[in-house]
């Protein structure tokens, strides 16, 4: 049994939760015995073809709708989980599910894979407002990764982050995938249909942001940039939610952008979300926080190029003016860049085509690579165990 452990899982939607969901879905489709271990969500009942084991959790008031897991206090869960015949465990975060995964892996003498997804130190600094405490918490995170049998990162540039945190071991790059598939022959027709379904004129520039509405993702910069070009014609959609949403909405009103900037909340329907990606001319994602965001790949799958901040970790998959666009971390520079792109629609269209070819891989393809790597790890682990016995 393959165990996929993470603190979040749908209906909680973020990039890591979607990664785990797609791993589980495709592993099951490929006739693998797989299960997910994650925190309980209030009133949610899972309806998946593979088992999902959930442990008790409490709300994280500062990061709604995230949950703080307390698996060891969930005695029914602990009785259930101890009898699962895991062969390998893959954990996708370093918190409650990680400590549980490590304990089970050591008890059962099986390999533990851990993927380093996020810039945890940024979260700690925002939550504690104390750099020393954040550094101590970051060291605790790295201590966990040092105990894993193999550490994965979702993009080569993420190695800079984990090294800066103090990790000195080996890392393996395992790309993220995308579950959106565009009909290459009819993509232009699909994009027009998506616009028509939202009553958006063909000549109206449309910009899009999908993700948590938190300041770490540089959402303030987006609004300030739009304010600098508010005399231009455009529509901007924000999809998602987060602690900064109320202040973002207030900013939009204060800047007089209410007629142009629309907040759509969380969109769980993937087909509906796909239409927003398709309708957009430009995906605006200036985050300095993200490591390897799925949303950039999702936009690319629908031939929508992304504008990112030059030098950011996430931007390393883009080449400016080829498969996306880069700008400086400045509202004036970003506004100027967006205005320039609006006046060159063919450049955006070509970059979207190139993005679809260069930054998008299917989750099915990724999962095949993951399973091959699991097999190698299991063989290596068995060999090492045999040599130890000798």
Protein backbone atom coordinates (compact mmCIF):
# COMPACT_ATOMS: atom_id res chain seq x y z
CA UNK A 1 0.00 0.00 0.00
CA UNK A 2 1.27 3.45 -0.96
CA UNK A 3 0.47 6.02 1.72
CA UNK A 4 0.11 9.66 0.67
CA UNK A 5 0.17 11.91 3.76
CA UNK A 6 -0.64 15.63 3.82
CA UNK A 7 -2.33 18.05 6.20
CA UNK A 8 -4.72 19.28 3.47
CA UNK A 9 -6.83 17.46 0.90
CA UNK A 10 -10.00 18.36 -1.02
CA UNK A 11 -12.40 19.95 -0.28
CA UNK A 12 -9.51 22.07 0.99
CA UNK A 13 -8.03 23.40 -2.24
CA UNK A 14 -4.43 24.44 -2.64
CA UNK A 15 -1.60 23.34 -4.91
CA UNK A 16 -0.28 20.68 -2.54
CA UNK A 17 -3.73 19.20 -1.88
CA UNK A 18 -4.33 18.98 -5.64
CA UNK A 19 -0.94 17.33 -6.09
CA UNK A 20 -1.83 14.62 -3.58
CA UNK A 21 -5.27 14.20 -5.13
CA UNK A 22 -3.81 13.68 -8.59
CA UNK A 23 -1.14 11.29 -7.32
CA UNK A 24 -3.84 9.19 -5.66
CA UNK A 25 -6.22 9.32 -8.63
CA UNK A 26 -3.66 8.22 -11.19
CA UNK A 27 -2.02 5.63 -8.96
CA UNK A 28 -5.42 4.06 -8.45
CA UNK A 29 -6.09 4.22 -12.20
CA UNK A 30 -2.81 2.37 -12.71
CA UNK A 31 -3.97 -0.43 -10.41
CA UNK A 32 -1.80 0.58 -7.46
CA UNK A 33 -2.95 0.08 -3.89
CA UNK A 34 -2.97 3.65 -2.59
CA UNK A 35 -4.58 5.62 0.21
CA UNK A 36 -4.55 9.20 1.50
CA UNK A 37 -4.02 10.14 5.15
CA UNK A 38 -5.08 13.67 6.04
CA UNK A 39 -6.93 15.92 8.47
CA UNK A 40 -10.70 15.87 8.91
CA UNK A 41 -12.77 18.66 7.41
CA UNK A 42 -16.06 19.52 9.12
CA UNK A 43 -19.15 17.90 7.57
CA UNK A 44 -17.16 16.52 4.63
CA UNK A 45 -17.66 12.95 3.44
CA UNK A 46 -15.10 11.59 0.98
CA UNK A 47 -16.29 10.01 -2.25
CA UNK A 48 -13.18 8.57 -3.88
CA UNK A 49 -12.31 5.25 -5.48
CA UNK A 50 -9.39 4.87 -3.06
CA UNK A 51 -9.53 5.05 0.76
CA UNK A 52 -9.04 8.35 2.57
CA UNK A 53 -8.22 8.10 6.27
CA UNK A 54 -8.87 11.29 8.22
CA UNK A 55 -7.78 12.19 11.73
CA UNK A 56 -9.18 14.75 14.15
CA UNK A 57 -8.28 18.38 13.58
CA UNK A 58 -8.83 21.88 14.91
CA UNK A 59 -9.30 25.13 12.95
CA UNK A 60 -6.30 27.36 12.31
CA UNK A 61 -8.01 30.70 12.89
CA UNK A 62 -5.16 32.69 11.35
CA UNK A 63 -5.19 30.59 8.16
CA UNK A 64 -8.78 29.60 7.43
CA UNK A 65 -9.78 27.09 6.10
CA UNK A 66 -6.60 25.20 7.04
CA UNK A 67 -6.72 22.71 9.93
CA UNK A 68 -4.29 21.68 12.67
CA UNK A 69 -4.19 17.91 12.88
CA UNK A 70 -4.21 16.00 16.16
CA UNK A 71 -4.00 12.37 14.98
CA UNK A 72 -2.66 10.91 18.24
CA UNK A 73 -5.76 12.11 20.09
CA UNK A 74 -8.00 10.37 17.56
CA UNK A 75 -7.95 6.86 19.03
CA UNK A 76 -10.30 5.34 16.47
CA UNK A 77 -8.10 6.65 13.66
CA UNK A 78 -4.90 5.40 15.33
CA UNK A 79 -6.36 1.89 15.72
CA UNK A 80 -7.38 1.90 12.06
CA UNK A 81 -4.11 3.23 10.66
CA UNK A 82 -1.81 0.80 12.49
CA UNK A 83 -3.22 -2.17 10.55
CA UNK A 84 -2.67 -0.72 7.07
CA UNK A 85 0.10 -2.66 5.26
CA UNK A 86 2.08 0.31 3.95
CA UNK A 87 5.04 -0.45 1.69
CA UNK A 88 6.15 3.15 1.17
CA UNK A 89 4.97 6.49 2.57
CA UNK A 90 5.15 9.81 0.75
CA UNK A 91 4.46 12.91 2.83
CA UNK A 92 3.84 16.34 1.30
CA UNK A 93 4.20 18.67 4.28
CA UNK A 94 6.33 18.80 7.45
CA UNK A 95 3.62 19.19 10.09
CA UNK A 96 1.15 16.86 11.82
CA UNK A 97 0.84 14.35 8.98
CA UNK A 98 4.64 14.33 8.63
CA UNK A 99 5.31 13.34 12.23
CA UNK A 100 2.70 10.60 11.94
CA UNK A 101 4.22 9.40 8.65
CA UNK A 102 7.72 9.31 10.15
CA UNK A 103 6.52 7.32 13.16
CA UNK A 104 4.72 4.74 11.01
CA UNK A 105 7.62 4.43 8.54
CA UNK A 106 10.08 3.73 11.33
CA UNK A 107 7.77 1.26 13.06
CA UNK A 108 7.13 -0.66 9.85
CA UNK A 109 10.73 -0.26 8.59
CA UNK A 110 9.63 1.14 5.23
CA UNK A 111 10.98 4.07 3.19
CA UNK A 112 9.71 7.62 3.69
CA UNK A 113 9.70 10.13 0.83
CA UNK A 114 9.12 13.80 1.67
CA UNK A 115 8.39 16.57 -0.85
CA UNK A 116 9.42 20.13 0.06
CA UNK A 117 6.67 22.25 -1.48
CA UNK A 118 6.49 25.64 0.23
CA UNK A 119 8.39 28.58 1.70
CA UNK A 120 7.48 27.68 5.26
CA UNK A 121 9.66 30.36 6.82
CA UNK A 122 7.50 33.09 5.25
CA UNK A 123 4.42 31.53 6.86
CA UNK A 124 6.14 31.36 10.25
CA UNK A 125 7.24 35.00 10.12
CA UNK A 126 3.74 36.18 9.30
CA UNK A 127 2.17 34.02 12.00
CA UNK A 128 4.63 34.86 14.80
CA UNK A 129 5.90 38.34 13.82
CA UNK A 130 9.20 37.17 15.28
CA UNK A 131 12.16 36.25 13.05
CA UNK A 132 13.96 34.27 15.75
CA UNK A 133 10.93 32.11 16.42
CA UNK A 134 10.45 31.69 12.66
CA UNK A 135 14.06 30.57 12.30
CA UNK A 136 13.65 28.06 15.12
CA UNK A 137 10.49 26.68 13.51
CA UNK A 138 12.27 26.46 10.14
CA UNK A 139 15.08 24.44 11.73
CA UNK A 140 12.45 22.05 13.08
CA UNK A 141 11.10 21.65 9.54
CA UNK A 142 14.55 20.88 8.15
CA UNK A 143 15.16 18.38 10.97
CA UNK A 144 12.15 16.47 9.67
CA UNK A 145 13.38 16.47 6.07
CA UNK A 146 16.78 15.23 7.25
CA UNK A 147 15.03 12.14 8.64
CA UNK A 148 13.37 11.24 5.33
CA UNK A 149 14.89 8.56 3.13
CA UNK A 150 14.51 10.75 0.05
CA UNK A 151 13.62 14.43 -0.35
CA UNK A 152 11.87 15.68 -3.49
CA UNK A 153 11.42 19.20 -4.79
CA UNK A 154 8.84 20.16 -7.47
CA UNK A 155 11.16 22.41 -9.49
CA UNK A 156 14.95 22.71 -9.79
CA UNK A 157 14.97 26.31 -8.54
CA UNK A 158 13.39 25.20 -5.25
CA UNK A 159 16.77 23.78 -4.26
CA UNK A 160 17.91 27.34 -3.51
CA UNK A 161 15.15 27.67 -0.90
CA UNK A 162 15.72 24.38 0.89
CA UNK A 163 19.49 25.02 0.95
CA UNK A 164 18.92 28.49 2.39
CA UNK A 165 16.89 26.84 5.15
CA UNK A 166 19.88 24.67 6.04
CA UNK A 167 19.20 21.33 4.35
CA UNK A 168 22.44 19.70 3.15
CA UNK A 169 21.25 16.33 1.86
CA UNK A 170 20.46 15.18 -1.65
CA UNK A 171 17.30 16.29 -3.45
CA UNK A 172 15.40 14.80 -6.36
CA UNK A 173 13.44 16.99 -8.77
CA UNK A 174 9.95 15.65 -9.43
CA UNK A 175 7.83 18.02 -11.52
CA UNK A 176 4.24 18.91 -10.82
CA UNK A 177 1.64 18.08 -13.43
CA UNK A 178 -1.62 19.50 -14.73
CA UNK A 179 -5.06 17.94 -15.02
CA UNK A 180 -6.27 20.40 -17.66
CA UNK A 181 -6.08 19.18 -21.24
CA UNK A 182 -6.74 21.53 -24.12
CA UNK A 183 -7.89 20.46 -27.57
CA UNK A 184 -4.98 21.95 -29.51
CA UNK A 185 -6.95 21.99 -32.74
CA UNK A 186 -9.86 23.93 -31.24
CA UNK A 187 -8.23 25.97 -28.49
CA UNK A 188 -9.10 29.33 -30.05
CA UNK A 189 -12.72 28.31 -30.42
CA UNK A 190 -12.79 27.11 -26.80
CA UNK A 191 -11.32 30.39 -25.56
CA UNK A 192 -13.94 32.37 -27.49
CA UNK A 193 -16.72 30.19 -26.10
CA UNK A 194 -15.42 30.73 -22.56
CA UNK A 195 -15.54 34.50 -23.07
CA UNK A 196 -18.99 34.33 -24.59
CA UNK A 197 -20.30 32.34 -21.63
CA UNK A 198 -19.21 35.26 -19.37
CA UNK A 199 -20.47 37.96 -21.76
CA UNK A 200 -16.94 39.30 -22.28
CA UNK A 201 -16.36 41.12 -25.59
CA UNK A 202 -13.66 39.67 -27.84
CA UNK A 203 -11.58 42.85 -27.67
CA UNK A 204 -11.70 43.25 -23.86
CA UNK A 205 -8.36 42.45 -22.15
CA UNK A 206 -8.90 39.91 -19.39
CA UNK A 207 -6.46 39.29 -16.53
CA UNK A 208 -6.65 36.52 -13.95
CA UNK A 209 -5.25 35.53 -10.57
CA UNK A 210 -5.99 32.14 -9.00
CA UNK A 211 -4.69 31.33 -5.54
CA UNK A 212 -4.82 32.15 -1.87
CA UNK A 213 -5.73 35.78 -1.20
CA UNK A 214 -2.77 36.46 1.07
CA UNK A 215 -0.22 39.25 1.02
CA UNK A 216 2.65 36.77 0.63
CA UNK A 217 1.48 36.16 -2.93
CA UNK A 218 1.99 39.85 -3.74
CA UNK A 219 -1.70 40.45 -4.32
CA UNK A 220 -1.28 44.05 -3.15
CA UNK A 221 1.08 44.65 -6.09
CA UNK A 222 -1.56 43.42 -8.53
CA UNK A 223 -4.17 45.88 -7.26
CA UNK A 224 -1.72 48.78 -7.13
CA UNK A 225 -0.62 48.00 -10.69
CA UNK A 226 -4.22 47.95 -11.91
CA UNK A 227 -4.80 51.28 -10.15
CA UNK A 228 -1.92 52.74 -12.12
CA UNK A 229 -3.69 51.78 -15.35
CA UNK A 230 -7.31 52.26 -14.32
CA UNK A 231 -8.02 54.46 -17.34
CA UNK A 232 -7.37 51.45 -19.57
CA UNK A 233 -10.08 48.97 -20.53
CA UNK A 234 -9.77 45.57 -18.82
CA UNK A 235 -11.43 43.02 -16.56
CA UNK A 236 -9.52 41.38 -13.71
CA UNK A 237 -10.75 38.22 -11.97
CA UNK A 238 -9.53 37.12 -8.55
CA UNK A 239 -10.36 33.49 -7.76
CA UNK A 240 -9.75 32.04 -4.30
CA UNK A 241 -9.95 33.22 -0.72
CA UNK A 242 -7.68 34.01 2.20
CA UNK A 243 -7.08 36.24 5.19
CA UNK A 244 -6.30 39.30 3.00
CA UNK A 245 -9.46 39.11 0.90
CA UNK A 246 -11.42 41.72 2.86
CA UNK A 247 -8.57 44.25 2.65
CA UNK A 248 -8.09 43.49 -1.04
CA UNK A 249 -11.74 44.23 -1.70
CA UNK A 250 -11.41 47.47 0.26
CA UNK A 251 -8.38 48.48 -1.82
CA UNK A 252 -10.30 47.84 -5.03
CA UNK A 253 -13.09 50.15 -3.87
CA UNK A 254 -10.66 52.85 -2.69
CA UNK A 255 -8.87 52.83 -6.04
CA UNK A 256 -12.14 53.08 -7.96
CA UNK A 257 -11.69 49.70 -9.63
CA UNK A 258 -14.96 48.04 -8.61
CA UNK A 259 -16.34 47.99 -12.15
CA UNK A 260 -13.23 46.27 -13.49
CA UNK A 261 -12.03 43.94 -10.71
CA UNK A 262 -14.23 40.97 -9.84
CA UNK A 263 -13.83 38.58 -6.90
CA UNK A 264 -15.20 35.14 -7.65
CA UNK A 265 -14.32 33.29 -4.42
CA UNK A 266 -13.26 29.65 -4.41
CA UNK A 267 -14.24 27.75 -7.56
CA UNK A 268 -14.20 24.02 -6.82
CA UNK A 269 -15.70 23.01 -10.17
CA UNK A 270 -12.62 22.34 -12.30
CA UNK A 271 -14.52 22.77 -15.58
CA UNK A 272 -15.74 26.19 -14.49
CA UNK A 273 -12.22 27.15 -13.42
CA UNK A 274 -10.92 25.94 -16.77
CA UNK A 275 -13.23 28.43 -18.49
CA UNK A 276 -11.70 31.32 -16.52
CA UNK A 277 -8.20 30.27 -17.51
CA UNK A 278 -9.31 30.01 -21.14
CA UNK A 279 -11.06 33.39 -21.11
CA UNK A 280 -7.99 35.21 -19.78
CA UNK A 281 -5.40 36.88 -21.99
CA UNK A 282 -2.86 37.04 -19.19
CA UNK A 283 -2.41 35.19 -15.90
CA UNK A 284 -0.94 37.64 -13.37
CA UNK A 285 1.06 35.89 -10.66
CA UNK A 286 3.72 38.10 -9.04
CA UNK A 287 4.20 35.87 -5.98
CA UNK A 288 7.60 35.84 -4.30
CA UNK A 289 6.28 33.19 -1.90
CA UNK A 290 5.57 30.25 -4.20
CA UNK A 291 8.05 27.60 -5.19
CA UNK A 292 6.40 25.75 -8.08
CA UNK A 293 2.76 26.85 -8.39
CA UNK A 294 0.36 24.55 -10.21
CA UNK A 295 -1.69 27.53 -11.36
CA UNK A 296 1.00 28.67 -13.81
CA UNK A 297 0.87 25.25 -15.46
CA UNK A 298 -2.92 25.26 -15.45
CA UNK A 299 -2.97 28.62 -17.21
CA UNK A 300 -0.39 27.40 -19.71
CA UNK A 301 -2.48 24.33 -20.49
CA UNK A 302 -5.20 26.70 -21.74
CA UNK A 303 -2.67 28.74 -23.78
CA UNK A 304 -2.74 31.62 -21.31
CA UNK A 305 0.74 33.03 -20.55
CA UNK A 306 1.80 34.18 -17.07
CA UNK A 307 3.36 37.43 -15.92
CA UNK A 308 5.73 36.88 -12.97
CA UNK A 309 8.43 38.73 -11.05
CA UNK A 310 11.91 38.33 -12.51
CA UNK A 311 14.19 36.43 -10.15
CA UNK A 312 11.40 34.82 -8.11
CA UNK A 313 11.73 31.10 -7.43
CA UNK A 314 8.56 30.24 -9.31
CA UNK A 315 9.51 32.27 -12.40
CA UNK A 316 12.51 30.09 -13.25
CA UNK A 317 10.38 27.94 -15.58
CA UNK A 318 9.66 30.97 -17.78
CA UNK A 319 11.76 32.65 -20.44
CA UNK A 320 10.71 36.27 -20.89
CA UNK A 321 8.86 36.94 -24.15
CA UNK A 322 8.94 33.24 -25.06
CA UNK A 323 6.65 31.17 -22.82
CA UNK A 324 5.67 33.93 -20.40
CA UNK A 325 6.62 37.39 -19.24
CA UNK A 326 8.73 38.84 -16.44
CA UNK A 327 8.68 42.23 -14.77
CA UNK A 328 10.16 44.04 -11.78
CA UNK A 329 8.58 44.01 -8.32
CA UNK A 330 7.11 47.47 -8.82
CA UNK A 331 3.54 48.59 -9.47
CA UNK A 332 4.69 51.15 -12.05
CA UNK A 333 6.82 48.58 -13.90
CA UNK A 334 4.13 45.94 -13.77
CA UNK A 335 1.45 48.34 -15.01
CA UNK A 336 3.69 49.42 -17.87
CA UNK A 337 4.42 45.81 -18.78
CA UNK A 338 0.77 44.83 -18.78
CA UNK A 339 -0.16 47.84 -20.91
CA UNK A 340 2.58 46.97 -23.37
CA UNK A 341 1.35 43.38 -23.63
CA UNK A 342 -2.25 44.49 -24.16
CA UNK A 343 -1.04 46.47 -27.17
CA UNK A 344 0.71 43.36 -28.50
CA UNK A 345 -1.97 40.65 -28.32
CA UNK A 346 -0.11 38.42 -30.77
CA UNK A 347 2.84 38.29 -28.39
CA UNK A 348 0.59 37.05 -25.61
CA UNK A 349 -1.05 34.52 -27.91
CA UNK A 350 2.31 33.11 -29.05
CA UNK A 351 3.64 32.97 -25.49
CA UNK A 352 0.52 31.06 -24.50
CA UNK A 353 1.17 28.50 -27.23
CA UNK A 354 4.78 28.14 -26.13
CA UNK A 355 3.73 27.76 -22.50
CA UNK A 356 1.44 24.88 -23.42
CA UNK A 357 4.42 23.12 -25.01
CA UNK A 358 7.07 23.86 -22.40
CA UNK A 359 5.61 24.14 -18.87
CA UNK A 360 2.76 21.62 -18.97
CA UNK A 361 2.98 17.89 -18.26
CA UNK A 362 0.01 15.67 -17.54
CA UNK A 363 -0.46 14.22 -14.07
CA UNK A 364 -0.70 10.79 -15.68
CA UNK A 365 2.79 11.20 -17.10
CA UNK A 366 4.14 12.56 -13.81
CA UNK A 367 2.60 9.67 -11.87
CA UNK A 368 4.31 7.12 -14.11
CA UNK A 369 7.64 8.75 -13.24
CA UNK A 370 6.73 8.82 -9.54
CA UNK A 371 5.90 5.10 -9.51
CA UNK A 372 9.17 4.26 -11.26
CA UNK A 373 11.04 6.22 -8.61
CA UNK A 374 9.11 4.49 -5.81
CA UNK A 375 10.19 1.15 -7.27
CA UNK A 376 13.83 2.23 -7.30
CA UNK A 377 13.59 3.46 -3.70
CA UNK A 378 11.99 0.20 -2.54
CA UNK A 379 14.68 -1.87 -4.26
CA UNK A 380 17.43 0.27 -2.74
CA UNK A 381 15.80 0.11 0.69
CA UNK A 382 15.47 -3.67 0.51
CA UNK A 383 19.10 -4.02 -0.56
CA UNK A 384 20.31 -1.81 2.27
CA UNK A 385 18.19 -3.72 4.78
CA UNK A 386 19.61 -7.02 3.51
CA UNK A 387 23.17 -5.76 3.78
CA UNK A 388 22.51 -4.53 7.32
CA UNK A 389 21.23 -7.95 8.32
CA UNK A 390 24.38 -9.57 6.93
